[in-house]
Amino acid sequence: MKRAIVLAVVALALSGCQGMASKMSKLDVGTGRDEVIDRLGKPDSDRSMIGYEVLSWLDRRPSRFSFSHQDYTVVLKDEKVTQFGPGLIRRDGKTTLQIETDGN
């Protein structure tokens, strides 16, 4: 009986530990700024770039061998999501931004 209770508590605790990638996957283009913050939490950085608002989160996950991290970015125009995903923002021309992943 005690084992079943312990397993239930552990399962409940793990289900609450949703990673940032999982949370990001629930966003859509057009999602409002307030809903983004409700879903993802307070951003680590919030700045303006060429007429866009750029919100960034740093997802840190300790592992056995290293302390790795992944940056996640949400770009908003008029308080609506225009793009989102893993990576850092870069300027892609005079009036556009692009999220750049490690592979680009």
N, C-alpha and C. Protein backbone atom coordinates (compact mmCIF):
# COMPACT_ATOMS: atom_id res chain seq x y z
N MET A 1 0.82 -1.20 0.00
CA MET A 1 0.00 0.00 0.00
C MET A 1 0.86 1.26 0.00
N LYS A 2 1.90 1.26 0.86
CA LYS A 2 2.78 2.43 0.93
C LYS A 2 3.48 2.65 -0.41
N ARG A 3 3.84 1.56 -1.04
CA ARG A 3 4.52 1.67 -2.34
C ARG A 3 3.61 2.34 -3.38
N ALA A 4 2.35 1.98 -3.40
CA ALA A 4 1.39 2.57 -4.34
C ALA A 4 1.23 4.06 -4.09
N ILE A 5 1.21 4.46 -2.82
CA ILE A 5 1.08 5.88 -2.48
C ILE A 5 2.33 6.64 -2.95
N VAL A 6 3.51 6.08 -2.69
CA VAL A 6 4.76 6.72 -3.10
C VAL A 6 4.81 6.85 -4.62
N LEU A 7 4.43 5.80 -5.34
CA LEU A 7 4.43 5.85 -6.80
C LEU A 7 3.45 6.89 -7.32
N ALA A 8 2.30 7.01 -6.70
CA ALA A 8 1.32 8.00 -7.12
C ALA A 8 1.85 9.42 -6.90
N VAL A 9 2.51 9.65 -5.78
CA VAL A 9 3.08 10.98 -5.49
C VAL A 9 4.19 11.30 -6.48
N VAL A 10 5.06 10.35 -6.77
CA VAL A 10 6.13 10.57 -7.73
C VAL A 10 5.57 10.84 -9.13
N ALA A 11 4.58 10.09 -9.55
CA ALA A 11 3.96 10.30 -10.87
C ALA A 11 3.33 11.68 -10.95
N LEU A 12 2.67 12.10 -9.92
CA LEU A 12 2.05 13.43 -9.89
C LEU A 12 3.11 14.52 -9.96
N ALA A 13 4.19 14.35 -9.22
CA ALA A 13 5.27 15.34 -9.24
C ALA A 13 5.91 15.44 -10.61
N LEU A 14 6.13 14.31 -11.25
CA LEU A 14 6.75 14.31 -12.58
C LEU A 14 5.83 14.90 -13.63
N SER A 15 4.54 14.70 -13.50
CA SER A 15 3.61 15.25 -14.49
C SER A 15 3.58 16.77 -14.43
N GLY A 16 3.91 17.34 -13.28
CA GLY A 16 3.96 18.80 -13.15
C GLY A 16 5.23 19.41 -13.68
N CYS A 17 6.23 18.61 -13.98
CA CYS A 17 7.53 19.11 -14.44
C CYS A 17 7.59 19.13 -15.96
N GLN A 18 6.75 19.89 -16.56
CA GLN A 18 6.71 20.00 -18.01
C GLN A 18 7.88 20.84 -18.48
N GLY A 19 8.61 20.36 -19.47
CA GLY A 19 9.72 21.13 -20.02
C GLY A 19 9.23 22.28 -20.90
N MET A 20 10.14 23.21 -21.14
CA MET A 20 9.80 24.38 -21.95
C MET A 20 9.41 23.98 -23.38
N ALA A 21 10.07 22.98 -23.93
CA ALA A 21 9.74 22.55 -25.30
C ALA A 21 8.29 22.08 -25.38
N SER A 22 7.83 21.37 -24.37
CA SER A 22 6.45 20.91 -24.34
C SER A 22 5.48 22.09 -24.22
N LYS A 23 5.83 23.06 -23.40
CA LYS A 23 4.98 24.25 -23.24
C LYS A 23 4.94 25.06 -24.54
N MET A 24 6.09 25.20 -25.19
CA MET A 24 6.16 25.95 -26.46
C MET A 24 5.30 25.31 -27.53
N SER A 25 5.23 23.99 -27.52
CA SER A 25 4.48 23.29 -28.57
C SER A 25 2.98 23.62 -28.51
N LYS A 26 2.53 24.19 -27.41
CA LYS A 26 1.11 24.53 -27.27
C LYS A 26 0.79 25.95 -27.74
N LEU A 27 1.81 26.68 -28.21
CA LEU A 27 1.58 28.02 -28.74
C LEU A 27 1.21 27.94 -30.21
N ASP A 28 0.58 28.99 -30.69
CA ASP A 28 0.24 29.13 -32.10
C ASP A 28 0.52 30.56 -32.53
N VAL A 29 0.77 30.76 -33.81
CA VAL A 29 0.88 32.11 -34.35
C VAL A 29 -0.47 32.79 -34.09
N GLY A 30 -0.43 34.01 -33.58
CA GLY A 30 -1.65 34.74 -33.26
C GLY A 30 -2.03 34.70 -31.79
N THR A 31 -1.37 33.83 -31.00
CA THR A 31 -1.63 33.78 -29.57
C THR A 31 -1.30 35.13 -28.95
N GLY A 32 -2.11 35.59 -28.02
CA GLY A 32 -1.90 36.88 -27.37
C GLY A 32 -0.77 36.86 -26.36
N ARG A 33 -0.18 38.03 -26.13
CA ARG A 33 0.96 38.17 -25.21
C ARG A 33 0.63 37.65 -23.81
N ASP A 34 -0.51 38.02 -23.26
CA ASP A 34 -0.88 37.60 -21.90
C ASP A 34 -1.00 36.08 -21.80
N GLU A 35 -1.55 35.46 -22.83
CA GLU A 35 -1.68 34.00 -22.83
C GLU A 35 -0.31 33.32 -22.91
N VAL A 36 0.60 33.90 -23.68
CA VAL A 36 1.97 33.36 -23.76
C VAL A 36 2.60 33.35 -22.38
N ILE A 37 2.49 34.45 -21.66
CA ILE A 37 3.11 34.54 -20.33
C ILE A 37 2.38 33.62 -19.34
N ASP A 38 1.07 33.48 -19.47
CA ASP A 38 0.35 32.53 -18.61
C ASP A 38 0.84 31.11 -18.83
N ARG A 39 1.09 30.75 -20.08
CA ARG A 39 1.52 29.38 -20.40
C ARG A 39 3.00 29.12 -20.09
N LEU A 40 3.86 30.11 -20.36
CA LEU A 40 5.29 29.88 -20.25
C LEU A 40 5.93 30.46 -18.99
N GLY A 41 5.22 31.36 -18.32
CA GLY A 41 5.80 32.02 -17.16
C GLY A 41 6.51 33.30 -17.57
N LYS A 42 7.01 34.00 -16.58
CA LYS A 42 7.69 35.27 -16.83
C LYS A 42 8.96 35.03 -17.67
N PRO A 43 9.15 35.81 -18.73
CA PRO A 43 10.35 35.61 -19.56
C PRO A 43 11.62 36.08 -18.84
N ASP A 44 12.74 35.48 -19.22
CA ASP A 44 14.04 35.91 -18.68
C ASP A 44 14.46 37.23 -19.29
N SER A 45 13.95 37.53 -20.48
CA SER A 45 14.28 38.80 -21.13
C SER A 45 13.10 39.24 -21.98
N ASP A 46 12.90 40.55 -22.04
CA ASP A 46 11.81 41.15 -22.81
C ASP A 46 12.38 42.43 -23.42
N ARG A 47 12.47 42.47 -24.75
CA ARG A 47 13.06 43.66 -25.40
C ARG A 47 12.34 43.96 -26.70
N SER A 48 12.56 45.18 -27.19
CA SER A 48 12.00 45.60 -28.47
C SER A 48 13.09 45.62 -29.52
N MET A 49 12.75 45.16 -30.73
CA MET A 49 13.67 45.19 -31.86
C MET A 49 12.87 45.53 -33.11
N ILE A 50 13.22 46.57 -33.77
CA ILE A 50 12.63 47.03 -35.04
C ILE A 50 11.11 46.84 -35.13
N GLY A 51 10.41 47.24 -34.07
CA GLY A 51 8.96 47.19 -34.08
C GLY A 51 8.36 45.88 -33.57
N TYR A 52 9.18 44.94 -33.14
CA TYR A 52 8.72 43.67 -32.58
C TYR A 52 9.07 43.62 -31.11
N GLU A 53 8.30 42.84 -30.34
CA GLU A 53 8.66 42.54 -28.96
C GLU A 53 9.23 41.13 -28.95
N VAL A 54 10.37 40.96 -28.31
CA VAL A 54 11.04 39.66 -28.27
C VAL A 54 11.12 39.19 -26.82
N LEU A 55 10.47 38.06 -26.54
CA LEU A 55 10.50 37.45 -25.21
C LEU A 55 11.40 36.22 -25.29
N SER A 56 12.25 36.05 -24.27
CA SER A 56 13.18 34.91 -24.28
C SER A 56 13.17 34.20 -22.93
N TRP A 57 13.28 32.87 -22.98
CA TRP A 57 13.37 32.03 -21.80
C TRP A 57 14.60 31.15 -21.94
N LEU A 58 15.28 30.88 -20.82
CA LEU A 58 16.42 29.98 -20.80
C LEU A 58 16.01 28.75 -20.03
N ASP A 59 15.94 27.62 -20.70
CA ASP A 59 15.53 26.36 -20.09
C ASP A 59 16.79 25.62 -19.67
N ARG A 60 17.04 25.57 -18.37
CA ARG A 60 18.24 24.89 -17.86
C ARG A 60 17.84 23.55 -17.29
N ARG A 61 18.57 22.54 -17.70
CA ARG A 61 18.29 21.19 -17.21
C ARG A 61 19.59 20.54 -16.76
N PRO A 62 19.72 20.33 -15.46
CA PRO A 62 20.93 19.65 -15.00
C PRO A 62 20.90 18.19 -15.45
N SER A 63 22.04 17.71 -15.86
CA SER A 63 22.15 16.30 -16.21
C SER A 63 23.32 15.70 -15.45
N ARG A 64 23.50 14.45 -15.64
CA ARG A 64 24.56 13.75 -14.91
C ARG A 64 25.95 14.28 -15.28
N PHE A 65 26.13 14.69 -16.55
CA PHE A 65 27.46 15.05 -17.02
C PHE A 65 27.65 16.53 -17.30
N SER A 66 26.58 17.28 -17.44
CA SER A 66 26.74 18.70 -17.74
C SER A 66 25.50 19.47 -17.31
N PHE A 67 25.63 20.75 -17.35
CA PHE A 67 24.50 21.63 -17.06
C PHE A 67 24.16 22.31 -18.36
N SER A 68 23.27 21.71 -19.13
CA SER A 68 22.97 22.22 -20.46
C SER A 68 21.78 23.17 -20.41
N HIS A 69 21.62 23.93 -21.47
CA HIS A 69 20.48 24.83 -21.55
C HIS A 69 20.06 25.02 -22.99
N GLN A 70 18.86 25.49 -23.14
CA GLN A 70 18.32 25.79 -24.46
C GLN A 70 17.54 27.09 -24.34
N ASP A 71 17.81 28.02 -25.24
CA ASP A 71 17.06 29.27 -25.26
C ASP A 71 15.81 29.09 -26.10
N TYR A 72 14.72 29.71 -25.66
CA TYR A 72 13.46 29.71 -26.41
C TYR A 72 13.02 31.14 -26.60
N THR A 73 12.53 31.45 -27.77
CA THR A 73 12.16 32.83 -28.11
C THR A 73 10.75 32.89 -28.67
N VAL A 74 10.04 33.95 -28.28
CA VAL A 74 8.72 34.26 -28.85
C VAL A 74 8.78 35.68 -29.38
N VAL A 75 8.40 35.86 -30.64
CA VAL A 75 8.39 37.18 -31.27
C VAL A 75 6.94 37.62 -31.42
N LEU A 76 6.65 38.85 -30.97
CA LEU A 76 5.29 39.39 -31.02
C LEU A 76 5.27 40.68 -31.83
N LYS A 77 4.18 40.87 -32.54
CA LYS A 77 3.89 42.12 -33.25
C LYS A 77 2.48 42.50 -32.86
N ASP A 78 2.29 43.71 -32.38
CA ASP A 78 0.97 44.16 -31.91
C ASP A 78 0.40 43.19 -30.87
N GLU A 79 1.28 42.70 -29.96
CA GLU A 79 0.93 41.80 -28.86
C GLU A 79 0.38 40.44 -29.29
N LYS A 80 0.71 40.01 -30.53
CA LYS A 80 0.33 38.69 -31.03
C LYS A 80 1.58 37.96 -31.50
N VAL A 81 1.64 36.66 -31.27
CA VAL A 81 2.78 35.84 -31.67
C VAL A 81 2.90 35.81 -33.19
N THR A 82 4.11 36.11 -33.69
CA THR A 82 4.38 35.97 -35.12
C THR A 82 5.29 34.77 -35.39
N GLN A 83 6.16 34.44 -34.43
CA GLN A 83 7.00 33.25 -34.53
C GLN A 83 7.48 32.87 -33.14
N PHE A 84 7.85 31.59 -32.98
CA PHE A 84 8.30 31.10 -31.69
C PHE A 84 9.10 29.82 -31.90
N GLY A 85 9.95 29.50 -30.93
CA GLY A 85 10.69 28.26 -31.00
C GLY A 85 12.02 28.33 -30.30
N PRO A 86 12.79 27.23 -30.37
CA PRO A 86 14.10 27.20 -29.73
C PRO A 86 15.09 28.04 -30.54
N GLY A 87 15.98 28.71 -29.86
CA GLY A 87 17.02 29.48 -30.52
C GLY A 87 17.01 30.94 -30.11
N LEU A 88 17.95 31.66 -30.65
CA LEU A 88 18.11 33.09 -30.36
C LEU A 88 17.64 33.91 -31.54
N ILE A 89 17.27 35.13 -31.27
CA ILE A 89 16.75 36.01 -32.32
C ILE A 89 17.90 36.71 -33.04
N ARG A 90 17.76 36.90 -34.32
CA ARG A 90 18.71 37.71 -35.07
C ARG A 90 17.93 38.55 -36.06
N ARG A 91 18.50 39.65 -36.43
CA ARG A 91 17.88 40.54 -37.41
C ARG A 91 18.10 39.94 -38.80
N ASP A 92 17.03 39.83 -39.56
CA ASP A 92 17.10 39.23 -40.88
C ASP A 92 16.64 40.29 -41.90
N GLY A 93 17.45 41.29 -42.09
CA GLY A 93 17.07 42.40 -42.96
C GLY A 93 16.73 43.63 -42.14
N LYS A 94 16.25 44.65 -42.81
CA LYS A 94 15.96 45.92 -42.13
C LYS A 94 14.68 45.87 -41.29
N THR A 95 13.72 45.05 -41.68
CA THR A 95 12.43 45.07 -40.99
C THR A 95 11.95 43.70 -40.53
N THR A 96 12.79 42.68 -40.57
CA THR A 96 12.37 41.34 -40.15
C THR A 96 13.34 40.73 -39.18
N LEU A 97 12.82 39.79 -38.38
CA LEU A 97 13.61 39.03 -37.41
C LEU A 97 13.49 37.55 -37.71
N GLN A 98 14.48 36.78 -37.30
CA GLN A 98 14.47 35.35 -37.51
C GLN A 98 15.01 34.67 -36.26
N ILE A 99 14.36 33.60 -35.81
CA ILE A 99 14.88 32.80 -34.71
C ILE A 99 15.92 31.87 -35.30
N GLU A 100 17.13 31.95 -34.77
CA GLU A 100 18.24 31.16 -35.28
C GLU A 100 18.57 30.03 -34.31
N THR A 101 18.47 28.81 -34.80
CA THR A 101 18.83 27.65 -33.99
C THR A 101 20.29 27.34 -34.18
N ASP A 102 20.80 26.43 -33.35
CA ASP A 102 22.21 26.05 -33.43
C ASP A 102 22.58 25.50 -34.80
N GLY A 103 21.63 24.88 -35.47
CA GLY A 103 21.89 24.26 -36.78
C GLY A 103 21.97 25.25 -37.92
N ASN A 104 21.52 26.51 -37.73
CA ASN A 104 21.53 27.52 -38.81
C ASN A 104 22.79 28.31 -38.84
